[in-house]
Amino acid sequence: MKAYLQKTTSPAPLALFRMALGMMLFLSIVRFWTKGWIHELYIEPNYHFPFYGFQFVRPLGEFTYVIFIICAVAALMVALGWFYRASIITLFLSFTYIELIDKSTYLNHYYFISMICLLMIFLPAHAYFSMDAHRNRDLNSQSIPLWCIDSVKLFVCMIYIFAGLAKINTDWLLHAQPLRIWLPAKNDMPFIGFLFNYTSTAYVFSWAGCIYDLTIPFLLLNNNTRWWAFGVVVVFHLLTAMLFPIGMFPYIMIVTASIFFPVAFHEKMSARIALWLHLPKRLLQATNHYTFNQTTFKFLAIGFFIFFTVQVALPFRYLFYPGELFWTEQGYRFSWRVMLMEKSGYAQFTVTDHTGKKITVDNNEFLTPLQQKMMATQPDMILQYAHMLRDYYEKLGYRNPSVFVDSYVAVNGRLGKALVDPKTDLAKKDDSLLHKSWILPFNEKIAGF
């Protein structure tokens, strides 16, 4: 380990990764803005579902646009390596704030971006091919510790492996669900659309996806298989982008895979980019060696150990909860379970009090269609919504109101069944990380990790 920590390498791979990450996030934010999603998702809703422990994160009305502007500018500055440390911290904080505003917009790749930005805060991604290195020749370096690049590779490998392990379940492998539901809806795709009508296609895609996730990190790490493995990455994610509406995530993962390329490739690409942009040659010329002092390194070692320990532990926290994970979703988020289930639901709320007042809630008055869809299938969001209704109707004169819900949910093509005990007064239940005993049993087993 001591010998490994003393190894150095060219900073070019980390510098190009910084540039690609910054530009991809900048373009993503511009795309988000131009499609009107800022207003639709963060300003228009009357209520937002906060993450547990982050209830203080709130939308800022029209000032939410300011957060996006700050995030976009920070992303562009990260790409340029201009005031890098302040820029990457700002990017991490602003992007994560946006992500935490509403639980109904949660996506795995938002979490990935937040975590990779957090990791990049502590890496010298600005020590080469950056505005900072151009302005400060003492910073401009020809080598950095090898572990700085390997830590990014390790994180990417972990994501793929956990995503692959999550696919080792009976619904995915034995029943080809939810792809058996999703693929036929794409049968109008040119040339290959007719294939999606066949159940066998769903099985092929399911098994291929599982094998891909479990093997691609090792194929990218191997010199003999790296290039054709990258070709597989491109084909896989482009096909994913065509089939499913998951935004920029496929393209971000394609760009991320470039971190596995050899140093010579990154140095050649750096030289070509500098030539295309007519940048001075001295931007790529350096004699310094970037090192961390002993105190800083000890701090980073502890921090990175905690970071990766948490990343390993989070996907397995579901083991502490009883019941079927796909049903209760207790421990589902932040575990790299990507597109594993098709869940549809219906939730009708009734508010009463001891004076005899009673009303059946029209969810359209409080939630957007997206929020209703996500809330109806996720018990923690059902509880949050019930608390919101309790507070709302208490202000309208209901005395110590009670909130009940009739909810029915279907998972991966199964018949719908009741999710929440309809006799439970959700207004009296506290939100916590403990098991929610008022979730009715699933009475089926989806075996797997």
Protein backbone atom coordinates (compact mmCIF):
# COMPACT_ATOMS: atom_id res chain seq x y z
CA MET A 1 0.00 0.00 0.00
CA LYS A 2 2.83 2.39 0.84
CA ALA A 3 4.47 1.69 -2.52
CA TYR A 4 1.17 2.25 -4.32
CA LEU A 5 0.52 5.57 -2.59
CA GLN A 6 3.90 6.81 -3.80
CA LYS A 7 3.13 6.10 -7.45
CA THR A 8 2.48 9.05 -9.74
CA THR A 9 0.94 9.50 -13.17
CA SER A 10 0.11 12.20 -15.67
CA PRO A 11 -2.66 14.58 -14.60
CA ALA A 12 -4.12 14.59 -18.13
CA PRO A 13 -6.86 11.97 -17.48
CA LEU A 14 -8.16 13.85 -14.46
CA ALA A 15 -7.97 17.20 -16.27
CA LEU A 16 -9.96 15.94 -19.27
CA PHE A 17 -12.47 14.31 -16.95
CA ARG A 18 -12.88 17.66 -15.19
CA MET A 19 -13.46 19.42 -18.50
CA ALA A 20 -15.93 16.82 -19.75
CA LEU A 21 -17.85 16.72 -16.47
CA GLY A 22 -18.13 20.50 -16.30
CA MET A 23 -19.30 20.84 -19.91
CA MET A 24 -21.80 17.99 -19.63
CA LEU A 25 -23.34 19.53 -16.51
CA PHE A 26 -23.41 22.97 -18.10
CA LEU A 27 -25.23 21.60 -21.15
CA SER A 28 -27.57 19.59 -18.92
CA ILE A 29 -28.59 22.70 -17.00
CA VAL A 30 -29.13 24.67 -20.21
CA ARG A 31 -31.29 21.81 -21.54
CA PHE A 32 -33.23 21.69 -18.27
CA TRP A 33 -33.88 25.43 -18.47
CA THR A 34 -34.91 25.54 -22.14
CA LYS A 35 -37.44 22.74 -21.66
CA GLY A 36 -39.17 24.71 -18.93
CA TRP A 37 -38.54 22.09 -16.27
CA ILE A 38 -37.31 24.58 -13.67
CA HIS A 39 -40.72 26.19 -13.48
CA GLU A 40 -42.61 22.93 -13.94
CA LEU A 41 -40.77 20.97 -11.23
CA TYR A 42 -39.60 23.54 -8.71
CA ILE A 43 -41.76 26.66 -8.96
CA GLU A 44 -45.21 25.54 -10.11
CA PRO A 45 -45.88 22.89 -7.39
CA ASN A 46 -47.61 24.10 -4.24
CA TYR A 47 -45.87 21.47 -2.15
CA HIS A 48 -42.53 19.70 -2.35
CA PHE A 49 -41.45 16.42 -0.80
CA PRO A 50 -38.21 16.97 1.15
CA PHE A 51 -35.71 14.23 1.89
CA TYR A 52 -35.60 13.04 5.49
CA GLY A 53 -33.06 15.10 7.40
CA PHE A 54 -33.04 17.83 4.74
CA GLN A 55 -36.40 19.45 5.46
CA PHE A 56 -34.63 22.80 5.55
CA VAL A 57 -34.03 22.62 1.79
CA ARG A 58 -36.82 24.54 0.13
CA PRO A 59 -37.51 25.98 -3.32
CA LEU A 60 -36.97 29.71 -3.49
CA GLY A 61 -39.78 30.66 -5.84
CA GLU A 62 -38.54 32.63 -8.83
CA PHE A 63 -35.12 32.83 -7.15
CA THR A 64 -34.79 29.11 -7.95
CA TYR A 65 -33.59 30.32 -11.35
CA VAL A 66 -30.68 32.00 -9.56
CA ILE A 67 -29.59 28.64 -8.12
CA PHE A 68 -29.57 27.18 -11.62
CA ILE A 69 -27.57 30.15 -12.93
CA ILE A 70 -25.03 29.68 -10.14
CA CYS A 71 -24.86 25.96 -10.90
CA ALA A 72 -24.37 26.52 -14.63
CA VAL A 73 -21.66 29.14 -14.15
CA ALA A 74 -19.88 26.92 -11.63
CA ALA A 75 -20.01 23.98 -14.06
CA LEU A 76 -18.49 26.10 -16.82
CA MET A 77 -15.75 27.36 -14.49
CA VAL A 78 -14.98 23.78 -13.44
CA ALA A 79 -14.59 22.86 -17.11
CA LEU A 80 -12.18 25.76 -17.56
CA GLY A 81 -10.37 25.03 -14.30
CA TRP A 82 -10.89 28.65 -13.30
CA PHE A 83 -10.90 29.20 -9.53
CA TYR A 84 -11.39 25.46 -9.52
CA ARG A 85 -11.64 24.73 -5.82
CA ALA A 86 -14.29 27.38 -5.21
CA SER A 87 -16.09 26.43 -8.42
CA ILE A 88 -16.33 22.70 -7.71
CA ILE A 89 -17.53 23.37 -4.16
CA THR A 90 -20.16 25.75 -5.53
CA LEU A 91 -21.18 23.20 -8.17
CA PHE A 92 -21.54 20.47 -5.56
CA LEU A 93 -23.58 22.63 -3.18
CA SER A 94 -25.86 24.18 -5.81
CA PHE A 95 -26.51 20.94 -7.70
CA THR A 96 -27.14 19.00 -4.50
CA TYR A 97 -29.47 21.72 -3.21
CA ILE A 98 -31.51 21.44 -6.42
CA GLU A 99 -31.55 17.65 -6.09
CA LEU A 100 -32.82 17.81 -2.50
CA ILE A 101 -35.71 20.20 -3.17
CA ASP A 102 -38.20 17.51 -4.13
CA LYS A 103 -38.00 13.76 -3.62
CA SER A 104 -40.37 13.14 -6.52
CA THR A 105 -37.63 14.17 -8.99
CA TYR A 106 -35.03 11.77 -7.55
CA LEU A 107 -32.88 9.98 -10.11
CA ASN A 108 -29.83 7.82 -9.56
CA HIS A 109 -27.69 9.94 -11.88
CA TYR A 110 -28.43 13.08 -9.87
CA TYR A 111 -26.99 11.30 -6.88
CA PHE A 112 -24.02 10.17 -8.98
CA ILE A 113 -23.28 13.73 -10.04
CA SER A 114 -23.46 15.02 -6.46
CA MET A 115 -21.09 12.32 -5.23
CA ILE A 116 -18.59 12.69 -8.08
CA CYS A 117 -18.52 16.45 -7.49
CA LEU A 118 -17.94 15.85 -3.79
CA LEU A 119 -15.05 13.54 -4.67
CA MET A 120 -13.58 16.03 -7.13
CA ILE A 121 -13.41 18.74 -4.47
CA PHE A 122 -10.43 16.98 -2.95
CA LEU A 123 -8.63 16.02 -6.18
CA PRO A 124 -6.08 18.22 -8.04
CA ALA A 125 -8.07 18.25 -11.28
CA HIS A 126 -6.88 21.82 -11.92
CA ALA A 127 -3.16 21.02 -11.79
CA TYR A 128 -3.01 20.62 -15.58
CA PHE A 129 -4.68 22.17 -18.62
CA SER A 130 -6.59 24.75 -16.58
CA MET A 131 -6.89 28.49 -16.18
CA ASP A 132 -5.58 28.13 -12.65
CA ALA A 133 -2.46 26.31 -13.83
CA HIS A 134 -1.98 28.90 -16.57
CA ARG A 135 -2.11 31.76 -14.07
CA ASN A 136 -0.04 29.96 -11.43
CA ARG A 137 2.97 28.18 -12.92
CA ASP A 138 3.77 26.64 -9.52
CA LEU A 139 0.49 24.75 -9.74
CA ASN A 140 1.02 23.49 -13.28
CA SER A 141 2.16 19.89 -12.80
CA GLN A 142 3.39 17.03 -14.95
CA SER A 143 2.44 14.41 -12.38
CA ILE A 144 -0.07 13.77 -9.61
CA PRO A 145 -0.52 10.82 -7.24
CA LEU A 146 -1.94 7.80 -9.07
CA TRP A 147 -4.63 7.27 -6.42
CA CYS A 148 -6.27 10.55 -7.41
CA ILE A 149 -7.34 9.04 -10.74
CA ASP A 150 -7.89 5.56 -9.33
CA SER A 151 -10.37 6.91 -6.78
CA VAL A 152 -12.62 8.12 -9.61
CA LYS A 153 -12.25 4.76 -11.37
CA LEU A 154 -13.11 2.95 -8.14
CA PHE A 155 -16.30 4.98 -7.68
CA VAL A 156 -17.42 4.33 -11.26
CA CYS A 157 -16.66 0.61 -10.88
CA MET A 158 -18.70 0.49 -7.68
CA ILE A 159 -21.71 2.02 -9.42
CA TYR A 160 -21.66 -0.56 -12.19
CA ILE A 161 -21.12 -3.50 -9.83
CA PHE A 162 -23.91 -2.46 -7.46
CA ALA A 163 -26.22 -1.87 -10.44
CA GLY A 164 -25.36 -5.35 -11.69
CA LEU A 165 -25.86 -7.01 -8.32
CA ALA A 166 -29.25 -5.32 -8.00
CA LYS A 167 -30.29 -6.94 -11.30
CA ILE A 168 -29.67 -10.40 -9.88
CA ASN A 169 -33.27 -10.82 -8.81
CA THR A 170 -36.06 -13.10 -9.92
CA ASP A 171 -38.18 -10.37 -11.50
CA TRP A 172 -35.31 -9.13 -13.69
CA LEU A 173 -33.71 -12.44 -14.71
CA LEU A 174 -36.54 -14.98 -14.55
CA HIS A 175 -39.49 -12.82 -15.58
CA ALA A 176 -37.74 -10.09 -17.64
CA GLN A 177 -39.60 -7.45 -15.66
CA PRO A 178 -40.04 -4.54 -16.06
CA LEU A 179 -38.60 -4.69 -19.60
CA ARG A 180 -41.49 -6.92 -20.71
CA ILE A 181 -43.74 -3.95 -19.93
CA TRP A 182 -41.53 -1.18 -21.28
CA LEU A 183 -40.11 -2.53 -24.54
CA PRO A 184 -43.39 -3.16 -26.42
CA ALA A 185 -44.18 0.53 -25.98
CA LYS A 186 -41.15 1.23 -28.21
CA ASN A 187 -42.20 -1.04 -31.07
CA ASP A 188 -42.48 1.96 -33.42
CA MET A 189 -38.71 2.52 -33.35
CA PRO A 190 -37.26 2.34 -36.90
CA PHE A 191 -35.57 -0.90 -38.00
CA ILE A 192 -35.54 -2.71 -34.65
CA GLY A 193 -38.89 -1.73 -33.14
CA PHE A 194 -40.64 -4.93 -34.21
CA LEU A 195 -38.23 -6.95 -32.05
CA PHE A 196 -39.62 -5.35 -28.91
CA ASN A 197 -42.91 -7.19 -29.38
CA TYR A 198 -41.21 -10.49 -28.57
CA THR A 199 -40.90 -11.62 -24.95
CA SER A 200 -37.53 -13.18 -25.80
CA THR A 201 -36.16 -9.70 -26.56
CA ALA A 202 -36.98 -8.58 -23.03
CA TYR A 203 -35.11 -11.60 -21.65
CA VAL A 204 -32.09 -10.90 -23.84
CA PHE A 205 -32.01 -7.27 -22.75
CA SER A 206 -32.43 -8.20 -19.08
CA TRP A 207 -29.61 -10.74 -19.03
CA ALA A 208 -27.36 -8.57 -21.21
CA GLY A 209 -27.90 -5.60 -18.90
CA CYS A 210 -26.96 -7.62 -15.84
CA ILE A 211 -23.87 -9.12 -17.46
CA TYR A 212 -22.87 -5.71 -18.82
CA ASP A 213 -22.98 -4.01 -15.41
CA LEU A 214 -21.05 -6.80 -13.67
CA THR A 215 -18.30 -7.13 -16.26
CA ILE A 216 -17.76 -3.73 -17.90
CA PRO A 217 -15.63 -2.27 -15.06
CA PHE A 218 -13.13 -5.11 -15.35
CA LEU A 219 -13.10 -4.96 -19.15
CA LEU A 220 -12.41 -1.22 -19.03
CA LEU A 221 -9.58 -1.76 -16.55
CA ASN A 222 -7.93 -4.39 -18.77
CA ASN A 223 -5.57 -3.07 -21.44
CA ASN A 224 -6.46 -5.86 -23.86
CA THR A 225 -10.22 -5.34 -23.72
CA ARG A 226 -10.53 -1.63 -22.99
CA TRP A 227 -11.21 -0.31 -26.47
CA TRP A 228 -13.86 -2.75 -27.54
CA ALA A 229 -15.35 -2.50 -24.04
CA PHE A 230 -15.70 1.25 -24.55
CA GLY A 231 -17.48 0.51 -27.82
CA VAL A 232 -19.92 -1.63 -25.86
CA VAL A 233 -20.37 1.25 -23.39
CA VAL A 234 -21.24 3.62 -26.23
CA VAL A 235 -23.71 1.22 -27.86
CA PHE A 236 -25.31 0.26 -24.56
CA HIS A 237 -25.87 3.81 -23.35
CA LEU A 238 -26.96 5.17 -26.73
CA LEU A 239 -29.54 2.40 -26.97
CA THR A 240 -30.63 3.20 -23.41
CA ALA A 241 -30.96 6.87 -24.34
CA MET A 242 -33.18 6.00 -27.32
CA LEU A 243 -35.42 3.65 -25.36
CA PHE A 244 -35.89 5.42 -22.05
CA PRO A 245 -36.37 9.08 -21.04
CA ILE A 246 -33.47 9.37 -18.59
CA GLY A 247 -32.01 12.64 -19.80
CA MET A 248 -28.26 13.16 -19.99
CA PHE A 249 -27.31 10.15 -17.86
CA PRO A 250 -26.29 7.84 -20.75
CA TYR A 251 -24.03 10.52 -22.22
CA ILE A 252 -22.52 11.31 -18.82
CA MET A 253 -21.67 7.63 -18.35
CA ILE A 254 -20.06 7.47 -21.81
CA VAL A 255 -17.91 10.47 -20.97
CA THR A 256 -17.12 9.03 -17.54
CA ALA A 257 -15.82 5.80 -19.10
CA SER A 258 -13.03 7.81 -20.75
CA ILE A 259 -11.27 8.02 -17.38
CA PHE A 260 -10.17 4.41 -18.01
CA PHE A 261 -8.26 5.32 -21.19
CA PRO A 262 -4.44 5.19 -21.05
CA VAL A 263 -2.46 8.31 -20.21
CA ALA A 264 -1.10 8.61 -23.76
CA PHE A 265 -4.62 8.99 -25.13
CA HIS A 266 -5.46 11.80 -22.72
CA GLU A 267 -2.21 13.61 -23.43
CA LYS A 268 -2.84 13.42 -27.18
CA MET A 269 -6.41 14.65 -26.72
CA SER A 270 -5.17 17.51 -24.57
CA ALA A 271 -2.73 18.53 -27.28
CA ARG A 272 -5.43 18.36 -29.97
CA ILE A 273 -7.89 20.41 -27.93
CA ALA A 274 -5.20 23.01 -27.27
CA LEU A 275 -4.48 23.12 -31.02
CA TRP A 276 -8.16 23.41 -31.98
CA LEU A 277 -8.66 26.27 -29.52
CA HIS A 278 -5.35 27.94 -30.40
CA LEU A 279 -4.18 27.80 -26.81
CA PRO A 280 -0.55 28.50 -25.87
CA LYS A 281 1.71 25.43 -25.79
CA ARG A 282 2.99 26.26 -22.33
CA LEU A 283 -0.46 25.38 -20.99
CA LEU A 284 0.53 21.72 -21.41
CA GLN A 285 4.18 22.13 -20.41
CA ALA A 286 5.02 21.57 -16.77
CA THR A 287 7.93 20.44 -14.63
CA ASN A 288 6.33 20.39 -11.19
CA HIS A 289 5.05 17.36 -9.28
CA TYR A 290 1.79 17.80 -7.38
CA THR A 291 2.04 16.41 -3.87
CA PHE A 292 0.02 16.60 -0.65
CA ASN A 293 1.70 17.44 2.62
CA GLN A 294 1.54 14.78 5.33
CA THR A 295 -1.24 16.42 7.33
CA THR A 296 -3.44 16.97 4.28
CA PHE A 297 -2.86 13.43 3.08
CA LYS A 298 -3.90 11.95 6.44
CA PHE A 299 -7.06 14.06 6.37
CA LEU A 300 -7.83 12.92 2.81
CA ALA A 301 -7.13 9.28 3.64
CA ILE A 302 -9.65 9.37 6.48
CA GLY A 303 -12.18 11.27 4.38
CA PHE A 304 -11.89 8.94 1.39
CA PHE A 305 -12.15 5.88 3.63
CA ILE A 306 -15.38 7.25 5.14
CA PHE A 307 -16.71 8.19 1.70
CA PHE A 308 -16.21 4.76 0.16
CA THR A 309 -17.36 2.96 3.29
CA VAL A 310 -20.64 4.87 3.15
CA GLN A 311 -20.98 4.15 -0.56
CA VAL A 312 -20.56 0.42 0.09
CA ALA A 313 -22.90 0.38 3.09
CA LEU A 314 -25.83 2.40 1.70
CA PRO A 315 -26.97 -0.16 -0.91
CA PHE A 316 -27.21 -2.84 1.79
CA ARG A 317 -29.13 -0.86 4.40
CA TYR A 318 -32.36 -2.42 3.12
CA LEU A 319 -31.33 -5.58 5.01
CA PHE A 320 -32.26 -3.84 8.26
CA TYR A 321 -35.88 -3.48 7.17
CA PRO A 322 -38.47 -6.27 7.04
CA GLY A 323 -40.62 -6.82 3.99
CA GLU A 324 -40.00 -6.79 0.25
CA LEU A 325 -37.73 -3.92 -0.84
CA PHE A 326 -39.59 -3.26 -4.10
CA TRP A 327 -42.81 -2.93 -2.11
CA THR A 328 -41.76 -0.84 0.89
CA GLU A 329 -38.84 0.97 -0.82
CA GLN A 330 -37.21 1.26 2.60
CA GLY A 331 -33.54 1.52 1.69
CA TYR A 332 -34.18 1.72 -2.06
CA ARG A 333 -32.85 5.18 -2.88
CA PHE A 334 -29.09 5.87 -3.12
CA SER A 335 -28.40 2.19 -3.81
CA TRP A 336 -27.82 2.21 -7.59
CA ARG A 337 -30.97 0.20 -8.32
CA VAL A 338 -31.43 1.51 -11.82
CA MET A 339 -34.73 0.98 -13.65
CA LEU A 340 -35.60 -2.24 -11.84
CA MET A 341 -39.33 -1.86 -11.43
CA GLU A 342 -42.50 -0.55 -12.98
CA LYS A 343 -44.73 0.64 -10.20
CA SER A 344 -48.16 2.19 -10.64
CA GLY A 345 -50.48 3.22 -7.87
CA TYR A 346 -53.58 5.00 -6.67
CA ALA A 347 -54.00 6.84 -3.37
CA GLN A 348 -57.21 8.45 -2.10
CA PHE A 349 -57.01 10.39 1.14
CA THR A 350 -59.77 11.13 3.63
CA VAL A 351 -59.48 13.78 6.34
CA THR A 352 -61.77 13.70 9.39
CA ASP A 353 -61.94 15.14 12.89
CA HIS A 354 -63.86 14.33 16.11
CA THR A 355 -66.58 16.88 15.33
CA GLY A 356 -67.74 14.83 12.35
CA LYS A 357 -66.13 16.83 9.61
CA LYS A 358 -65.01 14.68 6.72
CA ILE A 359 -63.61 15.35 3.27
CA THR A 360 -62.23 13.22 0.46
CA VAL A 361 -59.15 14.97 -0.84
CA ASP A 362 -58.70 15.88 -4.49
CA ASN A 363 -54.96 15.38 -4.96
CA ASN A 364 -55.02 17.61 -8.04
CA GLU A 365 -55.51 20.60 -5.75
CA PHE A 366 -52.16 20.04 -4.06
CA LEU A 367 -49.85 18.01 -6.29
CA THR A 368 -48.65 17.96 -9.88
CA PRO A 369 -49.24 14.82 -12.00
CA LEU A 370 -45.60 13.76 -11.49
CA GLN A 371 -45.83 14.22 -7.72
CA GLN A 372 -49.08 12.24 -7.58
CA LYS A 373 -47.55 9.40 -9.57
CA MET A 374 -44.46 9.17 -7.36
CA MET A 375 -46.30 9.71 -4.07
CA ALA A 376 -48.91 7.01 -4.70
CA THR A 377 -46.32 4.22 -4.75
CA GLN A 378 -43.83 5.33 -2.07
CA PRO A 379 -44.85 4.98 1.58
CA ASP A 380 -42.59 7.72 2.94
CA MET A 381 -44.06 10.21 0.46
CA ILE A 382 -47.58 9.08 1.34
CA LEU A 383 -46.79 9.87 4.98
CA GLN A 384 -45.34 13.28 4.12
CA TYR A 385 -48.38 14.15 2.06
CA ALA A 386 -50.69 13.02 4.88
CA HIS A 387 -48.86 15.36 7.28
CA MET A 388 -49.22 18.20 4.82
CA LEU A 389 -52.97 17.53 4.57
CA ARG A 390 -53.23 17.38 8.37
CA ASP A 391 -51.62 20.81 8.72
CA TYR A 392 -53.60 22.28 5.85
CA TYR A 393 -57.02 21.20 7.10
CA GLU A 394 -56.17 22.09 10.67
CA LYS A 395 -55.80 25.67 9.48
CA LEU A 396 -59.26 25.38 7.86
CA GLY A 397 -60.87 24.57 11.18
CA TYR A 398 -60.52 20.81 11.51
CA ARG A 399 -59.73 19.98 15.13
CA ASN A 400 -56.92 17.48 15.58
CA PRO A 401 -57.59 16.04 12.10
CA SER A 402 -57.02 12.41 11.20
CA VAL A 403 -55.78 11.35 7.76
CA PHE A 404 -56.49 7.95 6.20
CA VAL A 405 -55.56 6.59 2.78
CA ASP A 406 -56.88 3.90 0.48
CA SER A 407 -53.89 2.98 -1.64
CA TYR A 408 -53.38 0.29 -4.25
CA VAL A 409 -50.09 -0.45 -5.98
CA ALA A 410 -49.04 -2.82 -8.76
CA VAL A 411 -45.38 -3.90 -9.03
CA ASN A 412 -43.87 -5.22 -12.26
CA GLY A 413 -47.13 -6.26 -13.87
CA ARG A 414 -48.69 -7.90 -10.81
CA LEU A 415 -52.27 -7.22 -9.78
CA GLY A 416 -52.64 -4.18 -7.57
CA LYS A 417 -52.98 -4.62 -3.84
CA ALA A 418 -53.33 -2.35 -0.81
CA LEU A 419 -50.05 -0.70 0.20
CA VAL A 420 -51.02 1.11 3.42
CA ASP A 421 -53.31 -0.04 6.22
CA PRO A 422 -56.49 2.01 5.56
CA LYS A 423 -57.29 2.04 9.29
CA THR A 424 -54.02 3.77 10.21
CA ASP A 425 -54.26 7.45 11.09
CA LEU A 426 -51.21 8.74 9.24
CA ALA A 427 -51.55 12.11 10.90
CA LYS A 428 -50.41 10.48 14.14
CA LYS A 429 -47.44 8.61 12.64
CA ASP A 430 -43.98 10.14 12.88
CA ASP A 431 -41.62 10.22 9.93
CA SER A 432 -38.32 8.48 10.71
CA LEU A 433 -35.76 6.04 9.34
CA LEU A 434 -37.39 3.22 11.32
CA HIS A 435 -39.55 0.54 9.74
CA LYS A 436 -43.04 1.75 8.86
CA SER A 437 -45.24 -0.91 10.45
CA TRP A 438 -48.36 0.47 8.77
CA ILE A 439 -47.19 -0.78 5.36
CA LEU A 440 -49.22 -3.88 4.53
CA PRO A 441 -47.29 -7.07 3.66
CA PHE A 442 -46.50 -7.86 0.04
CA ASN A 443 -46.93 -11.62 0.55
CA GLU A 444 -44.65 -12.37 -2.38
CA LYS A 445 -40.90 -12.80 -2.61
CA ILE A 446 -38.65 -11.16 -5.19
CA ALA A 447 -35.45 -13.04 -4.43
CA GLY A 448 -32.12 -11.37 -5.06
CA PHE A 449 -29.61 -8.86 -3.73
